[in-house]
């Protein structure tokens, strides 16, 4: 019975480690994608003509959602 409990604990430890590794790599991939695609979109935005830029919607300041917005009852 103890060997079964030891195996379960060992697998639980392995599972926790592997899930932490997956989470870490997923986070790294998100950062790398953000860096890659941000660079390409900035490069694309700099090649727009003034006429094309005038068609873009105005940029709004970034504020946390919910802090300045009120819900009408």
C-alpha atoms as a PDB file:
ATOM      1  CA  UNK A   1       0.000   0.000   0.000  1.00  0.00           C
ATOM      2  CA  UNK A   2       2.817   2.409   0.797  1.00  0.00           C
ATOM      3  CA  UNK A   3       4.484   1.823  -2.561  1.00  0.00           C
ATOM      4  CA  UNK A   4       1.248   2.792  -4.295  1.00  0.00           C
ATOM      5  CA  UNK A   5       1.009   5.965  -2.226  1.00  0.00           C
ATOM      6  CA  UNK A   6       4.656   6.748  -2.984  1.00  0.00           C
ATOM      7  CA  UNK A   7       4.032   6.271  -6.713  1.00  0.00           C
ATOM      8  CA  UNK A   8       1.017   8.573  -6.598  1.00  0.00           C
ATOM      9  CA  UNK A   9       3.013  11.243  -4.764  1.00  0.00           C
ATOM     10  CA  UNK A  10       5.902  10.915  -7.222  1.00  0.00           C
ATOM     11  CA  UNK A  11       3.583  11.268 -10.213  1.00  0.00           C
ATOM     12  CA  UNK A  12       1.856  14.217  -8.598  1.00  0.00           C
ATOM     13  CA  UNK A  13       5.241  15.895  -8.146  1.00  0.00           C
ATOM     14  CA  UNK A  14       6.156  15.171 -11.772  1.00  0.00           C
ATOM     15  CA  UNK A  15       2.809  16.482 -12.963  1.00  0.00           C
ATOM     16  CA  UNK A  16       3.226  19.699 -10.976  1.00  0.00           C
ATOM     17  CA  UNK A  17       6.730  20.213 -12.393  1.00  0.00           C
ATOM     18  CA  UNK A  18       5.643  19.538 -15.965  1.00  0.00           C
ATOM     19  CA  UNK A  19       2.650  21.874 -15.682  1.00  0.00           C
ATOM     20  CA  UNK A  20       4.905  24.629 -14.320  1.00  0.00           C
ATOM     21  CA  UNK A  21       7.269  24.105 -17.258  1.00  0.00           C
ATOM     22  CA  UNK A  22       4.387  24.248 -19.747  1.00  0.00           C
ATOM     23  CA  UNK A  23       3.110  27.470 -18.143  1.00  0.00           C
ATOM     24  CA  UNK A  24       6.591  29.015 -18.281  1.00  0.00           C
ATOM     25  CA  UNK A  25       7.090  28.112 -21.942  1.00  0.00           C
ATOM     26  CA  UNK A  26       3.604  29.328 -22.865  1.00  0.00           C
ATOM     27  CA  UNK A  27       4.377  32.661 -21.215  1.00  0.00           C
ATOM     28  CA  UNK A  28       7.700  32.919 -23.057  1.00  0.00           C
ATOM     29  CA  UNK A  29       5.986  32.173 -26.369  1.00  0.00           C
ATOM     30  CA  UNK A  30       3.418  34.895 -25.724  1.00  0.00           C
ATOM     31  CA  UNK A  31       6.161  37.423 -25.001  1.00  0.00           C
ATOM     32  CA  UNK A  32       8.151  36.433 -28.099  1.00  0.00           C
ATOM     33  CA  UNK A  33       5.067  36.602 -30.321  1.00  0.00           C
ATOM     34  CA  UNK A  34       4.200  40.009 -28.899  1.00  0.00           C
ATOM     35  CA  UNK A  35       7.720  41.245 -29.615  1.00  0.00           C
ATOM     36  CA  UNK A  36       7.709  39.802 -33.138  1.00  0.00           C
ATOM     37  CA  UNK A  37       4.299  41.035 -34.200  1.00  0.00           C
ATOM     38  CA  UNK A  38       4.636  44.411 -32.484  1.00  0.00           C
ATOM     39  CA  UNK A  39       7.793  45.035 -34.471  1.00  0.00           C
ATOM     40  CA  UNK A  40       6.127  44.095 -37.762  1.00  0.00           C
ATOM     41  CA  UNK A  41       3.024  46.176 -37.094  1.00  0.00           C
ATOM     42  CA  UNK A  42       5.146  49.200 -36.155  1.00  0.00           C
ATOM     43  CA  UNK A  43       7.142  48.749 -39.332  1.00  0.00           C
ATOM     44  CA  UNK A  44       3.905  48.510 -41.321  1.00  0.00           C
ATOM     45  CA  UNK A  45       2.457  51.610 -39.648  1.00  0.00           C
ATOM     46  CA  UNK A  46       5.520  53.645 -40.585  1.00  0.00           C
ATOM     47  CA  UNK A  47       5.016  52.825 -44.282  1.00  0.00           C
ATOM     48  CA  UNK A  48       1.458  54.171 -44.385  1.00  0.00           C
ATOM     49  CA  UNK A  49       0.822  57.251 -46.457  1.00  0.00           C
ATOM     50  CA  UNK A  50      -0.715  60.310 -44.758  1.00  0.00           C
ATOM     51  CA  UNK A  51      -4.026  59.499 -46.450  1.00  0.00           C
ATOM     52  CA  UNK A  52      -4.011  55.992 -45.019  1.00  0.00           C
ATOM     53  CA  UNK A  53      -3.094  57.277 -41.561  1.00  0.00           C
ATOM     54  CA  UNK A  54      -6.033  59.679 -41.634  1.00  0.00           C
ATOM     55  CA  UNK A  55      -8.359  56.662 -41.952  1.00  0.00           C
ATOM     56  CA  UNK A  56      -7.149  55.110 -38.710  1.00  0.00           C
ATOM     57  CA  UNK A  57      -9.368  55.615 -35.673  1.00  0.00           C
ATOM     58  CA  UNK A  58      -7.905  57.967 -33.049  1.00  0.00           C
ATOM     59  CA  UNK A  59      -5.900  56.227 -30.367  1.00  0.00           C
ATOM     60  CA  UNK A  60      -7.396  56.289 -26.912  1.00  0.00           C
ATOM     61  CA  UNK A  61      -5.373  56.317 -23.747  1.00  0.00           C
ATOM     62  CA  UNK A  62      -5.114  52.951 -22.076  1.00  0.00           C
ATOM     63  CA  UNK A  63      -6.996  52.819 -18.822  1.00  0.00           C
ATOM     64  CA  UNK A  64      -7.833  49.742 -16.788  1.00  0.00           C
ATOM     65  CA  UNK A  65     -11.296  48.530 -17.647  1.00  0.00           C
ATOM     66  CA  UNK A  66     -13.916  49.238 -15.039  1.00  0.00           C
ATOM     67  CA  UNK A  67     -12.158  51.985 -13.101  1.00  0.00           C
ATOM     68  CA  UNK A  68     -13.592  54.960 -14.923  1.00  0.00           C
ATOM     69  CA  UNK A  69     -16.578  53.298 -16.538  1.00  0.00           C
ATOM     70  CA  UNK A  70     -19.932  53.206 -14.822  1.00  0.00           C
ATOM     71  CA  UNK A  71     -22.797  50.946 -15.655  1.00  0.00           C
ATOM     72  CA  UNK A  72     -26.110  52.663 -16.235  1.00  0.00           C
ATOM     73  CA  UNK A  73     -28.885  51.008 -14.254  1.00  0.00           C
END
